Protein backbone atom coordinates (compact mmCIF):
# COMPACT_ATOMS: atom_id res chain seq x y z
CA UNK A 1 14.57 131.41 8.55
CA UNK A 2 13.98 134.73 10.73
CA UNK A 3 11.29 135.16 9.42
CA UNK A 4 12.41 133.98 6.12
CA UNK A 5 10.65 136.09 3.53
CA UNK A 6 10.25 133.76 0.60
CA UNK A 7 6.51 133.78 0.80
CA UNK A 8 5.44 132.64 -2.63
CA UNK A 9 8.78 132.14 -4.29
CA UNK A 10 9.34 130.55 -7.64
CA UNK A 11 5.73 130.99 -8.75
CA UNK A 12 6.62 129.84 -12.24
CA UNK A 13 7.00 126.28 -11.01
CA UNK A 14 4.42 126.27 -8.23
CA UNK A 15 1.50 125.20 -10.36
CA UNK A 16 3.18 122.13 -11.79
CA UNK A 17 4.66 120.96 -8.53
CA UNK A 18 1.48 121.74 -6.61
CA UNK A 19 -0.48 119.53 -8.98
CA UNK A 20 2.04 116.75 -8.44
CA UNK A 21 1.71 117.23 -4.71
CA UNK A 22 -2.06 116.96 -4.90
CA UNK A 23 -1.74 113.72 -6.84
CA UNK A 24 0.81 112.35 -4.40
CA UNK A 25 -1.37 113.30 -1.47
CA UNK A 26 -4.38 111.65 -3.05
CA UNK A 27 -2.45 108.44 -3.59
CA UNK A 28 -1.25 108.56 0.01
CA UNK A 29 -4.81 108.83 1.24
CA UNK A 30 -5.55 112.36 2.45
CA UNK A 31 -8.45 112.68 4.82
CA UNK A 32 -11.12 115.36 4.87
CA UNK A 33 -9.58 116.82 8.03
CA UNK A 34 -6.44 117.90 6.18
CA UNK A 35 -4.21 115.20 7.65
CA UNK A 36 -2.06 112.64 5.88
CA UNK A 37 -0.31 109.84 7.71
CA UNK A 38 2.63 107.78 6.53
CA UNK A 39 2.68 104.07 7.19
CA UNK A 40 3.03 103.20 10.87
CA UNK A 41 6.29 101.52 11.84
CA UNK A 42 7.01 99.74 15.09
CA UNK A 43 10.21 101.15 16.59
CA UNK A 44 12.37 99.53 19.19
CA UNK A 45 12.30 101.49 22.47
CA UNK A 46 15.35 103.61 23.12
CA UNK A 47 17.65 102.62 26.00
CA UNK A 48 17.11 104.36 29.34
CA UNK A 49 19.86 106.88 28.68
CA UNK A 50 17.96 108.10 25.62
CA UNK A 51 14.42 107.75 26.92
CA UNK A 52 12.62 111.07 27.14
CA UNK A 53 9.36 109.71 28.53
CA UNK A 54 9.79 110.97 32.07
CA UNK A 55 11.64 114.21 31.41
CA UNK A 56 10.10 115.80 28.30
CA UNK A 57 6.56 116.80 27.38
CA UNK A 58 4.56 113.95 25.85
CA UNK A 59 4.63 115.91 22.60
CA UNK A 60 7.65 118.19 22.16
CA UNK A 61 6.36 121.12 20.08
CA UNK A 62 8.99 122.90 17.98
CA UNK A 63 8.26 126.12 16.10
CA UNK A 64 10.29 126.37 12.89
CA UNK A 65 11.20 129.76 11.46
CA UNK A 66 10.02 128.89 7.94
CA UNK A 67 8.62 125.95 6.04
CA UNK A 68 10.62 122.71 6.39
CA UNK A 69 14.00 122.89 4.67
CA UNK A 70 17.33 121.10 4.92
CA UNK A 71 18.99 123.69 7.15
CA UNK A 72 16.58 122.54 9.89
CA UNK A 73 17.81 118.95 9.64
CA UNK A 74 18.95 118.81 13.27
CA UNK A 75 15.35 118.83 14.49
CA UNK A 76 13.51 117.44 11.46
CA UNK A 77 15.82 114.42 11.66
CA UNK A 78 14.24 113.51 15.00
CA UNK A 79 10.90 112.86 13.30
CA UNK A 80 10.39 109.12 13.20
CA UNK A 81 8.39 107.04 10.69
CA UNK A 82 4.63 106.91 10.87
CA UNK A 83 4.28 110.69 11.07
CA UNK A 84 1.10 112.61 10.30
CA UNK A 85 1.06 115.82 8.26
CA UNK A 86 -1.64 118.34 9.21
CA UNK A 87 -2.13 120.73 6.30
CA UNK A 88 -4.53 122.93 8.27
CA UNK A 89 -2.14 123.50 11.16
CA UNK A 90 0.95 123.43 8.87
CA UNK A 91 2.57 120.86 11.13
CA UNK A 92 3.79 117.31 11.28
CA UNK A 93 3.64 114.96 14.28
CA UNK A 94 5.33 111.63 14.83
CA UNK A 95 7.45 109.68 17.27
CA UNK A 96 10.58 111.45 18.43
CA UNK A 97 13.16 108.93 17.30
CA UNK A 98 16.91 108.85 17.81
CA UNK A 99 19.29 106.31 16.35
CA UNK A 100 16.26 104.51 14.91
CA UNK A 101 14.65 104.01 18.32
CA UNK A 102 11.54 105.42 19.97
CA UNK A 103 12.40 107.83 22.79
CA UNK A 104 8.92 107.48 24.30
CA UNK A 105 7.55 110.90 23.31
CA UNK A 106 6.24 112.52 20.15
CA UNK A 107 7.56 115.56 18.32
CA UNK A 108 5.46 118.16 16.50
CA UNK A 109 7.16 120.49 14.06
CA UNK A 110 5.24 123.61 13.09
CA UNK A 111 6.02 125.62 9.99
CA UNK A 112 6.77 129.32 10.43
CA UNK A 113 6.74 132.33 8.13
CA UNK A 114 3.33 132.64 6.44
CA UNK A 115 2.00 129.80 8.61
CA UNK A 116 2.25 132.08 11.66
CA UNK A 117 1.48 135.37 9.96
CA UNK A 118 5.17 136.23 9.49
CA UNK A 119 5.59 136.98 13.18
CA UNK A 120 8.94 136.21 14.75
CA UNK A 121 9.46 132.83 16.38
CA UNK A 122 10.17 134.48 19.72
CA UNK A 123 6.84 136.32 19.63
CA UNK A 124 5.05 133.13 18.61
CA UNK A 125 6.59 131.32 21.58
CA UNK A 126 5.30 133.99 23.96
CA UNK A 127 1.86 134.09 22.32
CA UNK A 128 1.38 130.31 22.34
CA UNK A 129 2.25 128.54 25.57
CA UNK A 130 2.07 125.12 23.90
CA UNK A 131 5.33 125.77 22.02
CA UNK A 132 8.24 124.16 23.86
CA UNK A 133 11.15 125.09 21.57
CA UNK A 134 11.71 127.40 18.63
CA UNK A 135 14.37 128.01 15.99
CA UNK A 136 15.66 131.56 16.36
CA UNK A 137 18.56 133.24 14.57
CA UNK A 138 21.16 134.88 16.79
CA UNK A 139 20.31 138.43 15.73
CA UNK A 140 16.68 137.79 16.64
CA UNK A 141 17.71 136.39 20.03
CA UNK A 142 19.34 139.76 20.63
CA UNK A 143 16.46 141.87 19.30
CA UNK A 144 13.94 139.94 21.45
CA UNK A 145 16.03 140.11 24.63
CA UNK A 146 14.16 142.99 26.26
CA UNK A 147 10.53 141.88 26.16
CA UNK A 148 10.45 138.32 24.74
CA UNK A 149 13.72 136.80 25.87
CA UNK A 150 14.46 133.32 24.63
CA UNK A 151 17.63 131.36 25.28
CA UNK A 152 19.56 129.46 22.62
CA UNK A 153 20.61 126.00 23.83
CA UNK A 154 22.34 124.75 20.66
CA UNK A 155 22.78 126.21 17.15
CA UNK A 156 21.76 124.10 14.17
CA UNK A 157 23.93 126.37 12.00
CA UNK A 158 27.28 127.95 12.78
CA UNK A 159 26.19 131.02 10.82
CA UNK A 160 23.33 132.38 8.75
CA UNK A 161 23.67 131.43 5.04
CA UNK A 162 21.94 134.63 3.90
CA UNK A 163 23.33 136.23 0.73
CA UNK A 164 23.04 139.28 -1.45
CA UNK A 165 22.75 138.07 -5.05
CA UNK A 166 22.99 139.79 -8.42
CA UNK A 167 23.07 139.17 -12.14
CA UNK A 168 26.74 138.83 -13.19
CA UNK A 169 25.94 140.18 -16.65
CA UNK A 170 24.41 143.36 -15.23
CA UNK A 171 27.18 143.77 -12.65
CA UNK A 172 30.29 142.29 -14.28
CA UNK A 173 32.75 144.17 -12.06
CA UNK A 174 31.06 143.49 -8.74
CA UNK A 175 32.38 140.52 -6.77
CA UNK A 176 31.37 141.37 -3.20
CA UNK A 177 28.61 143.10 -1.25
CA UNK A 178 31.00 145.99 -0.70
CA UNK A 179 31.36 146.30 -4.48
CA UNK A 180 27.57 146.51 -4.79
CA UNK A 181 27.66 149.26 -2.17
CA UNK A 182 29.83 151.34 -4.47
CA UNK A 183 27.07 151.36 -7.07
CA UNK A 184 23.57 152.79 -6.97
CA UNK A 185 21.92 149.40 -7.48
CA UNK A 186 18.83 148.73 -5.40
CA UNK A 187 19.27 146.04 -2.74
CA UNK A 188 15.87 144.42 -2.28
CA UNK A 189 15.41 142.84 1.15
CA UNK A 190 12.56 142.00 3.49
CA UNK A 191 11.77 144.52 6.19
CA UNK A 192 12.19 142.05 9.04
CA UNK A 193 15.82 141.21 8.26
CA UNK A 194 18.48 142.66 10.56
CA UNK A 195 21.62 142.10 8.49
CA UNK A 196 20.82 144.93 5.99
CA UNK A 197 20.92 147.42 8.90
CA UNK A 198 24.32 146.00 9.84
CA UNK A 199 25.63 146.26 6.27
CA UNK A 200 24.64 149.93 6.19
CA UNK A 201 26.09 150.62 9.65
CA UNK A 202 29.41 149.10 8.55
CA UNK A 203 29.51 151.20 5.39
CA UNK A 204 29.19 148.23 3.05
CA UNK A 205 25.88 149.46 1.61
CA UNK A 206 24.20 152.84 1.46
CA UNK A 207 20.89 153.41 3.23
CA UNK A 208 19.53 154.80 -0.02
CA UNK A 209 20.10 151.44 -1.70
CA UNK A 210 17.83 149.46 0.61
CA UNK A 211 14.40 148.53 -0.72
CA UNK A 212 12.43 146.55 1.88
CA UNK A 213 9.72 145.30 -0.47
CA UNK A 214 11.13 141.82 -1.09
CA UNK A 215 8.30 139.30 -1.43
CA UNK A 216 10.29 136.17 -2.29
CA UNK A 217 9.05 135.86 -5.87
CA UNK A 218 11.60 135.92 -8.73
CA UNK A 219 9.51 138.15 -11.01
CA UNK A 220 11.14 141.42 -10.07
CA UNK A 221 14.71 140.15 -10.34
CA UNK A 222 13.93 138.51 -13.68
CA UNK A 223 12.20 141.63 -14.96
CA UNK A 224 14.93 144.01 -13.81
CA UNK A 225 18.30 142.26 -13.48
CA UNK A 226 19.98 145.54 -12.52
CA UNK A 227 18.65 145.13 -8.97
CA UNK A 228 20.26 142.96 -6.31
CA UNK A 229 18.35 141.05 -3.67
CA UNK A 230 18.57 138.87 -0.62
CA UNK A 231 18.52 135.09 -0.72
CA UNK A 232 20.07 132.03 0.88
CA UNK A 233 23.22 130.34 -0.35
CA UNK A 234 21.62 126.91 0.00
CA UNK A 235 18.54 127.81 -2.03
CA UNK A 236 18.33 130.62 -4.62
CA UNK A 237 21.59 129.96 -6.52
CA UNK A 238 20.21 126.50 -7.30
CA UNK A 239 16.55 127.33 -7.88
CA UNK A 240 17.24 130.35 -10.09
CA UNK A 241 19.57 128.33 -12.31
CA UNK A 242 17.62 125.05 -12.40
CA UNK A 243 14.00 125.65 -11.39
CA UNK A 244 13.11 129.15 -12.61
CA UNK A 245 12.37 128.83 -16.35
CA UNK A 246 12.26 132.59 -16.86
CA UNK A 247 15.88 132.81 -15.64
CA UNK A 248 17.67 129.43 -15.76
CA UNK A 249 21.22 130.72 -15.47
CA UNK A 250 23.71 131.31 -12.67
CA UNK A 251 23.57 134.24 -10.28
CA UNK A 252 26.51 135.84 -8.48
CA UNK A 253 26.41 136.34 -4.73
CA UNK A 254 28.31 136.84 -1.51
CA UNK A 255 27.33 135.46 1.87
CA UNK A 256 26.73 138.13 4.49
CA UNK A 257 28.93 136.02 6.75
CA UNK A 258 31.85 136.60 4.40
CA UNK A 259 31.17 140.32 4.69
CA UNK A 260 31.63 139.94 8.45
CA UNK A 261 28.12 139.16 9.72
CA UNK A 262 29.01 136.03 11.70
CA UNK A 263 25.93 135.21 13.81
CA UNK A 264 24.85 131.80 15.13
CA UNK A 265 21.74 130.73 13.24
CA UNK A 266 18.71 128.51 13.79
CA UNK A 267 19.35 128.30 17.51
CA UNK A 268 17.15 125.74 19.25
CA UNK A 269 15.68 128.04 21.87
CA UNK A 270 13.44 127.99 24.92
CA UNK A 271 11.57 130.79 26.59
CA UNK A 272 13.66 132.24 29.41
CA UNK A 273 10.86 131.66 31.92
CA UNK A 274 10.63 127.99 30.88
CA UNK A 275 14.35 127.22 30.94
CA UNK A 276 14.45 125.55 34.35
CA UNK A 277 11.22 123.65 33.72
CA UNK A 278 12.61 122.28 30.46
CA UNK A 279 16.12 121.59 31.78
CA UNK A 280 15.71 117.83 32.48
CA UNK A 281 14.40 117.39 28.94
CA UNK A 282 17.09 119.54 27.37
CA UNK A 283 19.84 117.65 29.18
CA UNK A 284 18.97 114.58 27.12
CA UNK A 285 17.47 116.16 24.01
CA UNK A 286 20.19 118.66 23.09
CA UNK A 287 22.90 116.00 22.55
CA UNK A 288 20.44 114.17 20.27
CA UNK A 289 19.98 117.33 18.21
CA UNK A 290 23.75 117.82 18.06
CA UNK A 291 24.29 114.26 16.85
CA UNK A 292 21.48 114.45 14.31
CA UNK A 293 23.01 117.58 12.78
CA UNK A 294 26.44 115.97 12.64
CA UNK A 295 25.05 112.80 11.02
CA UNK A 296 23.19 114.85 8.41
CA UNK A 297 26.43 116.31 7.08
CA UNK A 298 27.62 112.99 5.67
CA UNK A 299 24.29 111.15 5.32
CA UNK A 300 21.58 113.63 4.32
CA UNK A 301 19.38 111.48 2.09
CA UNK A 302 16.90 110.11 4.65
CA UNK A 303 16.21 113.49 6.25
CA UNK A 304 15.99 115.16 2.84
CA UNK A 305 13.40 112.58 1.80
CA UNK A 306 11.32 113.37 4.89
CA UNK A 307 11.48 117.11 4.16
CA UNK A 308 10.54 116.69 0.50
CA UNK A 309 7.70 114.35 1.46
CA UNK A 310 6.27 116.73 4.06
CA UNK A 311 6.42 119.71 1.68
CA UNK A 312 4.82 117.68 -1.13
CA UNK A 313 1.81 116.97 1.06
CA UNK A 314 0.93 120.65 1.51
CA UNK A 315 0.29 122.69 -1.63
CA UNK A 316 0.49 125.92 0.40
CA UNK A 317 4.23 125.41 0.83
CA UNK A 318 6.76 126.68 -1.68
CA UNK A 319 7.80 123.55 -3.63
CA UNK A 320 11.00 121.93 -2.38
CA UNK A 321 12.55 119.47 -4.79
CA UNK A 322 14.92 116.61 -4.15
CA UNK A 323 17.43 118.47 -6.31
CA UNK A 324 17.29 121.58 -4.14
CA UNK A 325 17.56 119.46 -0.96
CA UNK A 326 20.65 117.69 -2.29
CA UNK A 327 22.24 120.98 -3.39
CA UNK A 328 21.51 122.49 0.00
CA UNK A 329 22.98 119.55 1.91
CA UNK A 330 26.20 119.77 -0.09
CA UNK A 331 26.53 123.51 0.41
CA UNK A 332 25.79 123.29 4.14
CA UNK A 333 28.65 120.82 4.41
CA UNK A 334 31.12 122.40 1.98
CA UNK A 335 30.70 125.90 3.41
CA UNK A 336 30.78 124.64 7.02
CA UNK A 337 27.34 126.03 7.79
CA UNK A 338 26.63 122.80 9.66
CA UNK A 339 30.00 122.15 11.23
CA UNK A 340 31.78 121.80 14.55
CA UNK A 341 32.48 124.96 16.53
CA UNK A 342 35.91 126.29 17.42
CA UNK A 343 36.14 123.59 20.10
CA UNK A 344 35.54 120.79 17.58
CA UNK A 345 32.03 120.08 18.92
CA UNK A 346 28.93 120.12 16.74
CA UNK A 347 26.21 122.37 18.12
CA UNK A 348 28.44 124.23 20.57
CA UNK A 349 28.78 127.92 21.35
CA UNK A 350 31.92 130.00 21.50
CA UNK A 351 30.70 132.48 24.12
CA UNK A 352 33.39 135.01 23.20
CA UNK A 353 32.07 135.03 19.64
CA UNK A 354 28.52 135.25 20.94
CA UNK A 355 29.36 138.24 23.14
CA UNK A 356 31.19 139.97 20.30
CA UNK A 357 28.08 139.61 18.13
CA UNK A 358 25.85 140.99 20.88
CA UNK A 359 28.15 143.97 21.44
CA UNK A 360 28.23 144.65 17.71
CA UNK A 361 24.47 144.48 17.14
CA UNK A 362 23.00 146.15 20.23
CA UNK A 363 23.93 149.72 19.21
CA UNK A 364 22.69 149.12 15.66
CA UNK A 365 19.38 147.74 16.90
CA UNK A 366 19.04 150.53 19.44
CA UNK A 367 19.58 153.08 16.69
CA UNK A 368 16.45 151.57 15.14
CA UNK A 369 14.48 151.93 18.38
CA UNK A 370 15.00 148.50 20.02
CA UNK A 371 15.77 150.03 23.44
CA UNK A 372 17.98 147.13 24.50
CA UNK A 373 20.31 147.45 27.51
CA UNK A 374 23.64 148.88 26.40
CA UNK A 375 25.44 146.02 28.14
CA UNK A 376 23.72 142.74 27.34
CA UNK A 377 25.55 139.65 28.65
CA UNK A 378 25.58 136.88 26.04
CA UNK A 379 24.86 134.29 28.72
CA UNK A 380 21.38 135.77 29.07
CA UNK A 381 20.48 134.60 25.57
CA UNK A 382 22.85 131.65 25.04
CA UNK A 383 23.72 128.75 27.31
CA UNK A 384 26.19 125.90 26.98
CA UNK A 385 24.88 123.92 29.95
CA UNK A 386 23.13 121.27 27.84
CA UNK A 387 25.74 120.92 25.07
CA UNK A 388 27.58 117.59 25.04
CA UNK A 389 31.29 117.88 24.25
CA UNK A 390 31.21 114.26 23.03
CA UNK A 391 29.60 115.12 19.68
CA UNK A 392 32.75 115.67 17.62
């Protein structure tokens, strides 16, 4: 996410699900310290080729861009059984497992968004030296390139599934974002998103339409269905129709990708000044992340169960149901959000596409005061050196 601005979304169902989460946590045996451990499981050690014990940190710390959700499956799927949820630190720690085997190190996944004060993942990585890797959208890789450069080593998503959504009854003739731009409808977005600037720069929306007060809650959209707002294709279309009692009907939307905003998303990234230090680890770890993402496409249930379980153990998180997880997994597959690149490899980069995106966004970001170099080589913020071409 980004900072994915869905801070207290779907408040109408929070209370009920939160109560269920409290009960579930109590049954699981929460401790006074805010931790909750699942049952320990003895895993077979991974073979030498997949052992990370001598090349990675003892605990690989990964900063997520939002709370755990299915579009982060490539890294969440590395969390083995016997994990411990820390509700105070908004994190989970367990064995880093691949193919059902223990790689010899642990993995800690930290929630982002409100859990880190809505700061960007790149800034969190520079503020906290204990973070080894972070999930950073491609546009944020670009915007951070001057002062907080991080390097994407593999994308979890081929593109960002962000959408602009609207009520089809209020806008019966609008089918695309460009159609919305021909109206005077407000487009409610969060101020940290970059794609709205791009939509305006390309003439698809008017600057006067942008309202950067989006807080993630459905109340405004429900109360005034003449507005349009941001969302994610793998989330809001499902939750508004099935889990928002004050709405409970379909919404119309278009992905920003289909409007032309084709940016690699949820890039597993490392600080530029830590790239060489982390290289031996990344050489082994990146192919595992690629394979985990590929496997999720056709077998999402186990990872979805882990995500739903983690979220249920922390009442501060926006509820995440099994229904939403299943919907999301299907959309991520059907819309090729998690998919092989142009070379047929999962988790690969097309550097020509990456450079085209950089060239497109730099002038737009600079117009907003980013002060990026006019010519920014894509290989300064993306690298293919750790990507395995065997994950097809």
